Amino acid sequence: MAGYRDLLRTPGVGRIIAAQLTARFPSGMTSLAILLHIEHLTGSYGAAGLVLAAASIGQAIAGPITSRWMGAWGMRQVLTLTTLVCAASITGIAVLEVPLPVFMVLGMVAGLSTPPVQPAVRTIYPKMVNSRQLNPLFSLDASLQEIIWILAPVVVTFVSTQISTVVGLMLIVVILLGGCAWFIASPELGRVRIPRSKRRFGKVLTRPAVLLCTLVGFLLIGACAAVEAGVVATFGEGGIEAGVVLAVFSLGSLAGGLASGGIPIGRWAMARRMGIVTLGLVVTTISLNVWWVGGSLLIAGIGVAPVFAAVSAMTTASVKFSDTAEAFGWVNMGQLIGAAAGSAVAGFLIDGMGPVGAYWTAAIFAAVGVLVAVVFRRGFPDLRGRDPSPLPDTTTIPIQII
């Protein structure tokens, strides 16, 4: 904890962490709010899963594109435009009563216009701290983002079930506009300029670490999305239990992330961390009692933030600075496609076999993640004793021979 205190004393670090957490707070509310709203209107978790899938696919498609745009047009311009469009789309979902396909279109537009806050801030971090502080900063960031998943589900579940699902969605719009305005106004966005990448779009995926981190993120977030759907289906719309259980899941992740900050990241790190997640999710399938589900998800959560920290560190250390935003865009794309897949599969299995189907979906996604991390472990960089900063950008300088 002393190391984290020193890190937060670094000028600007505490401010940028707080601003980006506020801007990303709606990410912990939107899926659950849409799930509750569409299920309330249609009576079908399958229909709600389709809307969530459309939103996630839209966000996945836009992720690498908007991230690369930040190098061409500037972070503030891209973030401002996407924030306004996203807020308008979520407002449409909240206030309109339209057929399911229209809700899916609105969901996709909201996804396409999701502000690329995470790629922006993870591109900024290496320019704010020295190389020794970078891995702890990624662990702190991955841990503190769990505050979103602890508080946001409780807040949106309470508002949506005790007041209305429309109010829940409009609360998201207010926080989105305010949080993104704070982040966009942060001085760091003006001081750090992402260079325009000279490589063609998508070339960064030829880096094995980026591709593997994208795949692991797909599987981990697919598991988390299935858990979210399963918890809501298990405990229904009438109480606060769903939000509390999801908060416990995130509390385990918060603890695991803070504890892992000083642990060196080697090639086996991803497999070990995904193994913890898998263990907890397999145990969850045994019983749907609220105490059992909460306890097993607490165990599973211990591995979640450490996986995200490893993904961030390995991605950063594997690409040039001009490619970091796009690389994180692809990593986020994998995670969002995973959310779409996890939500859709879990939604239909809930309709067919009950909530336990969602937990089995989550366990299988996580187990495949362990398998990938073991089989392709040599594709991950060994960061023990190595500078995890991005690779330097180099260019040819013309000289004149006299």
Protein backbone atom coordinates (compact mmCIF):
# COMPACT_ATOMS: atom_id res chain seq x y z
CA MET A 1 0.00 0.00 0.00
CA ALA A 2 2.95 2.33 0.56
CA GLY A 3 3.86 1.86 -3.09
CA TYR A 4 0.34 2.82 -4.12
CA ARG A 5 0.48 5.92 -1.91
CA ASP A 6 3.72 6.99 -3.58
CA LEU A 7 2.15 6.36 -6.97
CA LEU A 8 -0.84 8.55 -6.16
CA ARG A 9 1.50 11.36 -5.09
CA THR A 10 2.80 11.55 -8.65
CA PRO A 11 1.40 14.78 -10.15
CA GLY A 12 -1.83 14.22 -12.05
CA VAL A 13 -2.15 10.48 -11.41
CA GLY A 14 -4.88 10.71 -8.79
CA ARG A 15 -6.84 13.25 -10.82
CA ILE A 16 -6.76 11.30 -14.08
CA ILE A 17 -7.71 8.06 -12.32
CA ALA A 18 -10.70 9.73 -10.65
CA ALA A 19 -11.82 11.41 -13.87
CA GLN A 20 -11.63 8.29 -16.01
CA LEU A 21 -13.37 6.17 -13.36
CA THR A 22 -16.25 8.63 -13.33
CA ALA A 23 -16.40 8.69 -17.12
CA ARG A 24 -16.43 4.88 -17.21
CA PHE A 25 -18.94 4.48 -14.36
CA PRO A 26 -21.85 4.02 -16.81
CA SER A 27 -20.11 0.94 -18.21
CA GLY A 28 -21.02 -0.85 -14.98
CA MET A 29 -24.65 0.22 -15.25
CA THR A 30 -25.63 0.14 -18.91
CA SER A 31 -25.82 -3.61 -19.58
CA LEU A 32 -27.77 -4.31 -16.41
CA ALA A 33 -30.11 -1.35 -16.99
CA ILE A 34 -30.82 -2.42 -20.58
CA LEU A 35 -31.33 -6.03 -19.46
CA LEU A 36 -33.88 -4.97 -16.85
CA HIS A 37 -35.58 -2.46 -19.16
CA ILE A 38 -35.99 -4.71 -22.21
CA GLU A 39 -36.99 -7.75 -20.12
CA HIS A 40 -39.57 -5.56 -18.35
CA LEU A 41 -41.01 -4.42 -21.69
CA THR A 42 -40.92 -7.78 -23.52
CA GLY A 43 -40.94 -10.40 -20.76
CA SER A 44 -38.01 -12.23 -22.39
CA TYR A 45 -34.39 -12.50 -21.30
CA GLY A 46 -33.60 -13.73 -24.81
CA ALA A 47 -34.86 -10.45 -26.30
CA ALA A 48 -32.86 -8.48 -23.73
CA GLY A 49 -29.78 -10.53 -24.62
CA LEU A 50 -30.20 -9.63 -28.30
CA VAL A 51 -30.26 -5.90 -27.51
CA LEU A 52 -27.18 -6.28 -25.31
CA ALA A 53 -25.46 -8.26 -28.04
CA ALA A 54 -26.19 -5.51 -30.58
CA ALA A 55 -24.76 -2.87 -28.24
CA SER A 56 -21.65 -4.94 -27.55
CA ILE A 57 -21.07 -5.70 -31.24
CA GLY A 58 -21.40 -2.00 -32.09
CA GLN A 59 -18.92 -1.09 -29.38
CA ALA A 60 -16.55 -3.83 -30.54
CA ILE A 61 -16.63 -2.62 -34.15
CA ALA A 62 -15.97 0.97 -33.12
CA GLY A 63 -13.26 0.22 -30.53
CA PRO A 64 -10.16 -0.04 -32.75
CA ILE A 65 -11.50 2.61 -35.16
CA THR A 66 -12.25 5.36 -32.64
CA SER A 67 -9.02 4.54 -30.78
CA ARG A 68 -7.01 5.03 -33.97
CA TRP A 69 -8.95 8.23 -34.72
CA MET A 70 -7.55 9.71 -31.52
CA GLY A 71 -4.10 9.64 -33.10
CA ALA A 72 -5.38 11.36 -36.23
CA TRP A 73 -7.88 13.88 -34.85
CA GLY A 74 -6.99 14.23 -31.19
CA MET A 75 -8.40 12.65 -28.05
CA ARG A 76 -10.67 15.51 -27.04
CA GLN A 77 -12.43 15.78 -30.40
CA VAL A 78 -13.16 12.05 -30.66
CA LEU A 79 -14.28 11.75 -27.04
CA THR A 80 -16.63 14.74 -27.31
CA LEU A 81 -18.38 13.49 -30.45
CA THR A 82 -18.82 9.93 -29.20
CA THR A 83 -20.10 11.06 -25.81
CA LEU A 84 -22.92 13.14 -27.31
CA VAL A 85 -24.07 10.44 -29.74
CA CYS A 86 -23.95 7.72 -27.08
CA ALA A 87 -26.00 9.80 -24.63
CA ALA A 88 -28.67 10.43 -27.30
CA SER A 89 -28.91 6.72 -28.15
CA ILE A 90 -29.35 5.59 -24.55
CA THR A 91 -32.01 8.27 -24.12
CA GLY A 92 -33.84 6.77 -27.10
CA ILE A 93 -33.81 3.30 -25.53
CA ALA A 94 -35.18 4.77 -22.30
CA VAL A 95 -38.07 6.86 -23.63
CA LEU A 96 -39.23 5.07 -26.80
CA GLU A 97 -41.61 2.11 -27.02
CA VAL A 98 -40.68 0.49 -30.33
CA PRO A 99 -40.33 -3.01 -31.80
CA LEU A 100 -37.37 -5.16 -30.75
CA PRO A 101 -35.38 -4.57 -33.99
CA VAL A 102 -35.46 -0.81 -33.36
CA PHE A 103 -34.18 -1.32 -29.82
CA MET A 104 -31.38 -3.41 -31.31
CA VAL A 105 -30.49 -0.59 -33.72
CA LEU A 106 -30.43 1.94 -30.88
CA GLY A 107 -28.29 -0.45 -28.85
CA MET A 108 -25.84 -0.80 -31.72
CA VAL A 109 -25.60 2.98 -32.18
CA ALA A 110 -24.95 3.38 -28.46
CA GLY A 111 -22.22 0.77 -28.74
CA LEU A 112 -20.67 2.31 -31.84
CA SER A 113 -20.45 5.68 -30.11
CA THR A 114 -19.18 4.52 -26.72
CA PRO A 115 -16.42 6.99 -25.77
CA PRO A 116 -12.96 5.30 -25.96
CA VAL A 117 -11.99 6.42 -22.46
CA GLN A 118 -10.14 3.24 -21.55
CA PRO A 119 -7.79 3.20 -24.58
CA ALA A 120 -7.17 6.91 -24.04
CA VAL A 121 -6.19 6.66 -20.40
CA ARG A 122 -4.09 3.52 -20.84
CA THR A 123 -2.20 5.29 -23.59
CA ILE A 124 -1.62 8.28 -21.30
CA TYR A 125 -0.39 6.29 -18.29
CA PRO A 126 3.12 5.45 -19.62
CA LYS A 127 3.75 9.16 -20.13
CA MET A 128 2.81 10.04 -16.54
CA VAL A 129 4.99 7.64 -14.52
CA ASN A 130 8.39 6.00 -14.72
CA SER A 131 8.83 2.41 -15.87
CA ARG A 132 9.08 1.08 -12.30
CA GLN A 133 5.66 2.51 -11.47
CA LEU A 134 3.86 1.36 -14.61
CA ASN A 135 2.92 -2.21 -13.61
CA PRO A 136 1.64 -1.07 -10.17
CA LEU A 137 -0.34 1.67 -11.94
CA PHE A 138 -2.01 -0.87 -14.23
CA SER A 139 -2.83 -3.03 -11.19
CA LEU A 140 -4.21 -0.04 -9.32
CA ASP A 141 -6.28 0.98 -12.34
CA ALA A 142 -7.65 -2.56 -12.80
CA SER A 143 -8.45 -2.74 -9.09
CA LEU A 144 -10.08 0.66 -8.73
CA GLN A 145 -12.26 0.06 -11.77
CA GLU A 146 -13.92 -2.61 -9.64
CA ILE A 147 -15.41 0.24 -7.61
CA ILE A 148 -17.53 0.72 -10.72
CA TRP A 149 -18.68 -2.89 -10.60
CA ILE A 150 -19.25 -2.77 -6.83
CA LEU A 151 -21.33 0.42 -6.74
CA ALA A 152 -22.83 0.64 -10.22
CA PRO A 153 -24.88 -2.61 -10.15
CA VAL A 154 -26.29 -1.75 -6.73
CA VAL A 155 -27.21 1.78 -7.80
CA VAL A 156 -28.79 0.87 -11.13
CA THR A 157 -30.60 -2.18 -9.72
CA PHE A 158 -32.05 -0.13 -6.87
CA VAL A 159 -33.14 2.74 -9.13
CA SER A 160 -34.52 0.46 -11.87
CA THR A 161 -36.43 -1.88 -9.55
CA GLN A 162 -37.59 0.59 -6.91
CA ILE A 163 -38.34 3.58 -9.17
CA SER A 164 -38.37 2.60 -12.87
CA THR A 165 -36.11 1.22 -15.58
CA VAL A 166 -36.52 4.50 -17.50
CA VAL A 167 -35.09 6.49 -14.59
CA GLY A 168 -32.24 3.98 -14.37
CA LEU A 169 -31.27 4.58 -18.00
CA MET A 170 -31.58 8.37 -17.71
CA LEU A 171 -29.30 8.29 -14.65
CA ILE A 172 -26.70 6.65 -16.89
CA VAL A 173 -27.02 9.50 -19.40
CA VAL A 174 -26.42 12.13 -16.72
CA ILE A 175 -23.32 10.37 -15.34
CA LEU A 176 -21.99 9.73 -18.85
CA LEU A 177 -22.19 13.41 -19.81
CA GLY A 178 -20.74 14.67 -16.53
CA GLY A 179 -17.97 12.09 -16.23
CA CYS A 180 -16.80 12.41 -19.81
CA ALA A 181 -16.83 16.21 -19.55
CA TRP A 182 -14.49 15.98 -16.53
CA PHE A 183 -12.17 13.53 -18.27
CA ILE A 184 -12.09 15.54 -21.51
CA ALA A 185 -11.21 18.68 -19.55
CA SER A 186 -8.27 16.97 -17.78
CA PRO A 187 -4.95 18.70 -18.54
CA GLU A 188 -3.28 15.38 -19.38
CA LEU A 189 -5.40 15.06 -22.53
CA GLY A 190 -3.84 18.26 -23.76
CA ARG A 191 -0.27 17.39 -22.76
CA VAL A 192 -0.12 13.93 -24.31
CA ARG A 193 -0.40 13.67 -28.08
CA ILE A 194 -0.83 10.25 -29.63
CA PRO A 195 1.36 10.11 -32.74
CA ARG A 196 -0.33 9.19 -36.00
CA SER A 197 0.49 5.54 -36.67
CA LYS A 198 2.42 4.85 -39.86
CA ARG A 199 1.31 1.21 -39.98
CA ARG A 200 -1.82 0.04 -41.71
CA PHE A 201 -4.99 -0.48 -39.69
CA GLY A 202 -4.99 -3.87 -37.94
CA LYS A 203 -1.24 -4.50 -38.32
CA VAL A 204 -0.85 -4.38 -34.54
CA LEU A 205 -2.72 -7.69 -34.29
CA THR A 206 0.30 -9.44 -35.80
CA ARG A 207 1.93 -9.00 -32.39
CA PRO A 208 1.29 -12.35 -30.62
CA ALA A 209 0.80 -10.72 -27.22
CA VAL A 210 -1.86 -8.34 -28.52
CA LEU A 211 -3.73 -11.14 -30.25
CA LEU A 212 -3.58 -13.41 -27.21
CA CYS A 213 -4.61 -10.63 -24.81
CA THR A 214 -7.56 -9.91 -27.11
CA LEU A 215 -8.59 -13.58 -27.02
CA VAL A 216 -8.20 -13.91 -23.24
CA GLY A 217 -10.20 -10.71 -22.76
CA PHE A 218 -12.94 -12.12 -25.01
CA LEU A 219 -13.22 -15.24 -22.83
CA LEU A 220 -12.98 -13.46 -19.47
CA ILE A 221 -15.59 -10.82 -20.29
CA GLY A 222 -17.83 -13.47 -21.86
CA ALA A 223 -17.74 -15.26 -18.53
CA CYS A 224 -18.46 -12.05 -16.60
CA ALA A 225 -21.38 -11.16 -18.89
CA ALA A 226 -22.88 -14.62 -18.39
CA VAL A 227 -22.50 -14.23 -14.63
CA GLU A 228 -24.32 -10.89 -14.75
CA ALA A 229 -27.25 -12.38 -16.67
CA GLY A 230 -27.33 -15.42 -14.38
CA VAL A 231 -27.39 -13.33 -11.19
CA VAL A 232 -30.24 -11.17 -12.48
CA ALA A 233 -32.22 -14.26 -13.54
CA THR A 234 -31.54 -15.99 -10.21
CA PHE A 235 -32.67 -13.20 -7.94
CA GLY A 236 -35.24 -11.51 -10.20
CA GLU A 237 -36.35 -7.93 -10.54
CA GLY A 238 -38.01 -7.57 -7.17
CA GLY A 239 -35.07 -7.20 -4.79
CA ILE A 240 -31.61 -5.81 -4.25
CA GLU A 241 -29.88 -9.22 -4.05
CA ALA A 242 -28.73 -9.19 -7.68
CA GLY A 243 -26.86 -5.92 -7.28
CA VAL A 244 -25.32 -6.97 -3.96
CA VAL A 245 -24.08 -10.32 -5.32
CA LEU A 246 -22.51 -8.63 -8.35
CA ALA A 247 -20.89 -6.13 -5.98
CA VAL A 248 -19.39 -9.02 -4.00
CA PHE A 249 -17.99 -10.42 -7.27
CA SER A 250 -16.29 -7.08 -7.88
CA LEU A 251 -15.10 -6.81 -4.27
CA GLY A 252 -13.13 -10.02 -4.78
CA SER A 253 -11.62 -8.52 -7.93
CA LEU A 254 -10.69 -5.32 -6.09
CA ALA A 255 -8.88 -7.30 -3.39
CA GLY A 256 -7.13 -9.54 -5.90
CA GLY A 257 -5.98 -6.62 -8.02
CA LEU A 258 -4.49 -4.68 -5.10
CA ALA A 259 -2.74 -7.81 -3.83
CA SER A 260 -1.21 -8.56 -7.24
CA GLY A 261 0.33 -5.12 -7.81
CA GLY A 262 3.79 -6.15 -6.65
CA ILE A 263 3.81 -9.63 -8.21
CA PRO A 264 6.08 -9.92 -11.29
CA ILE A 265 4.28 -10.84 -14.51
CA GLY A 266 5.77 -13.84 -16.25
CA ARG A 267 4.52 -16.08 -19.03
CA TRP A 268 2.50 -18.27 -16.62
CA ALA A 269 0.82 -15.29 -14.94
CA MET A 270 -2.21 -15.28 -17.26
CA ALA A 271 -2.89 -18.99 -16.77
CA ARG A 272 -2.66 -18.77 -12.98
CA ARG A 273 -4.95 -15.76 -12.78
CA MET A 274 -7.54 -17.21 -15.16
CA GLY A 275 -7.39 -20.45 -13.16
CA ILE A 276 -8.66 -18.65 -10.05
CA VAL A 277 -11.60 -17.24 -12.02
CA THR A 278 -12.46 -20.67 -13.41
CA LEU A 279 -12.35 -22.35 -10.00
CA GLY A 280 -14.84 -19.91 -8.51
CA LEU A 281 -17.22 -20.11 -11.46
CA VAL A 282 -17.28 -23.92 -11.46
CA VAL A 283 -18.17 -23.87 -7.76
CA THR A 284 -20.99 -21.40 -8.46
CA THR A 285 -22.89 -24.02 -10.51
CA ILE A 286 -23.41 -26.24 -7.45
CA SER A 287 -26.12 -24.17 -5.74
CA LEU A 288 -28.23 -21.07 -6.42
CA ASN A 289 -28.47 -20.09 -2.76
CA VAL A 290 -27.63 -16.40 -2.39
CA TRP A 291 -24.84 -17.06 0.14
CA TRP A 292 -23.31 -19.81 -1.99
CA VAL A 293 -23.42 -17.76 -5.19
CA GLY A 294 -21.97 -14.73 -3.41
CA GLY A 295 -19.17 -16.73 -1.80
CA SER A 296 -18.15 -18.56 -4.97
CA LEU A 297 -18.23 -15.36 -7.02
CA LEU A 298 -16.03 -13.71 -4.39
CA ILE A 299 -13.44 -16.42 -5.11
CA ALA A 300 -13.81 -16.05 -8.88
CA GLY A 301 -13.47 -12.29 -8.61
CA ILE A 302 -10.03 -12.55 -6.99
CA GLY A 303 -8.59 -13.41 -10.39
CA VAL A 304 -10.43 -10.86 -12.53
CA ALA A 305 -8.53 -7.60 -11.89
CA PRO A 306 -5.13 -9.37 -11.96
CA VAL A 307 -6.00 -10.69 -15.44
CA PHE A 308 -6.89 -7.18 -16.62
CA ALA A 309 -3.64 -5.81 -15.13
CA ALA A 310 -1.62 -8.47 -16.95
CA VAL A 311 -3.46 -7.74 -20.21
CA SER A 312 -2.68 -4.01 -19.91
CA ALA A 313 0.98 -4.50 -19.04
CA MET A 314 1.61 -7.14 -21.72
CA THR A 315 -0.16 -5.11 -24.40
CA THR A 316 1.73 -1.92 -23.56
CA ALA A 317 5.12 -3.64 -23.53
CA SER A 318 4.51 -5.29 -26.92
CA VAL A 319 3.72 -2.29 -29.18
CA LYS A 320 5.07 1.11 -30.14
CA PHE A 321 3.56 4.16 -28.43
CA SER A 322 1.83 5.29 -31.63
CA ASP A 323 0.04 1.91 -31.73
CA THR A 324 -0.99 1.66 -28.08
CA ALA A 325 -4.43 3.25 -28.49
CA GLU A 326 -5.29 1.01 -31.43
CA ALA A 327 -3.92 -2.05 -29.62
CA PHE A 328 -6.15 -1.35 -26.63
CA GLY A 329 -9.00 -0.75 -29.05
CA TRP A 330 -8.56 -4.30 -30.39
CA VAL A 331 -8.26 -5.69 -26.85
CA ASN A 332 -11.49 -3.92 -25.92
CA MET A 333 -13.07 -5.25 -29.10
CA GLY A 334 -12.32 -8.78 -27.96
CA GLN A 335 -13.82 -8.07 -24.57
CA LEU A 336 -16.96 -6.58 -26.04
CA ILE A 337 -17.52 -9.41 -28.48
CA GLY A 338 -17.12 -11.65 -25.46
CA ALA A 339 -19.80 -9.65 -23.66
CA ALA A 340 -22.12 -10.07 -26.66
CA ALA A 341 -21.47 -13.80 -26.85
CA GLY A 342 -21.76 -14.34 -23.11
CA SER A 343 -24.97 -12.32 -22.80
CA ALA A 344 -26.64 -13.95 -25.79
CA VAL A 345 -25.72 -17.53 -24.91
CA ALA A 346 -26.59 -17.06 -21.25
CA GLY A 347 -29.90 -15.36 -22.10
CA PHE A 348 -31.12 -18.22 -24.27
CA LEU A 349 -29.92 -20.86 -21.81
CA ILE A 350 -31.76 -19.07 -19.00
CA ASP A 351 -34.95 -19.24 -21.07
CA GLY A 352 -34.32 -22.93 -21.78
CA MET A 353 -32.90 -24.42 -18.57
CA GLY A 354 -32.99 -21.72 -15.90
CA PRO A 355 -30.32 -19.54 -14.29
CA VAL A 356 -27.84 -22.40 -13.84
CA GLY A 357 -27.30 -22.37 -17.62
CA ALA A 358 -25.74 -18.93 -17.34
CA TYR A 359 -23.26 -20.08 -14.68
CA TRP A 360 -22.21 -23.06 -16.80
CA THR A 361 -21.71 -20.68 -19.71
CA ALA A 362 -19.42 -18.55 -17.54
CA ALA A 363 -17.43 -21.53 -16.26
CA ILE A 364 -16.83 -22.88 -19.78
CA PHE A 365 -15.71 -19.48 -21.11
CA ALA A 366 -13.21 -19.13 -18.26
CA ALA A 367 -11.92 -22.72 -18.62
CA VAL A 368 -11.18 -22.13 -22.30
CA GLY A 369 -9.29 -18.99 -21.23
CA VAL A 370 -7.04 -21.10 -18.99
CA LEU A 371 -6.43 -23.53 -21.86
CA VAL A 372 -5.42 -20.68 -24.21
CA ALA A 373 -3.10 -19.16 -21.61
CA VAL A 374 -1.37 -22.51 -21.03
CA VAL A 375 -1.05 -23.67 -24.64
CA PHE A 376 0.16 -20.30 -25.98
CA ARG A 377 2.12 -19.15 -22.92
CA ARG A 378 5.26 -18.48 -25.02
CA GLY A 379 3.33 -15.82 -26.92
CA PHE A 380 3.05 -13.70 -23.77
CA PRO A 381 6.01 -11.46 -22.90
CA ASP A 382 8.01 -12.16 -19.74
CA LEU A 383 7.99 -8.82 -17.91
CA ARG A 384 10.04 -9.91 -14.91
CA GLY A 385 12.88 -7.43 -14.60
CA ARG A 386 11.93 -5.74 -17.87
CA ASP A 387 10.83 -2.20 -18.67
CA PRO A 388 7.08 -2.52 -19.48
CA SER A 389 6.90 0.82 -21.31
CA PRO A 390 5.83 0.91 -24.97
CA LEU A 391 8.47 0.30 -27.62
CA PRO A 392 9.96 3.59 -28.88
CA ASP A 393 8.75 5.01 -32.16
CA THR A 394 11.57 5.37 -34.64
CA THR A 395 11.73 7.05 -37.99
CA THR A 396 14.24 7.55 -40.79
CA ILE A 397 16.08 10.87 -40.70
CA PRO A 398 17.40 11.98 -44.09
CA ILE A 399 21.02 13.14 -44.11
CA GLN A 400 23.05 14.91 -46.73
CA ILE A 401 26.52 13.59 -47.46
CA ILE A 402 28.94 16.37 -48.36
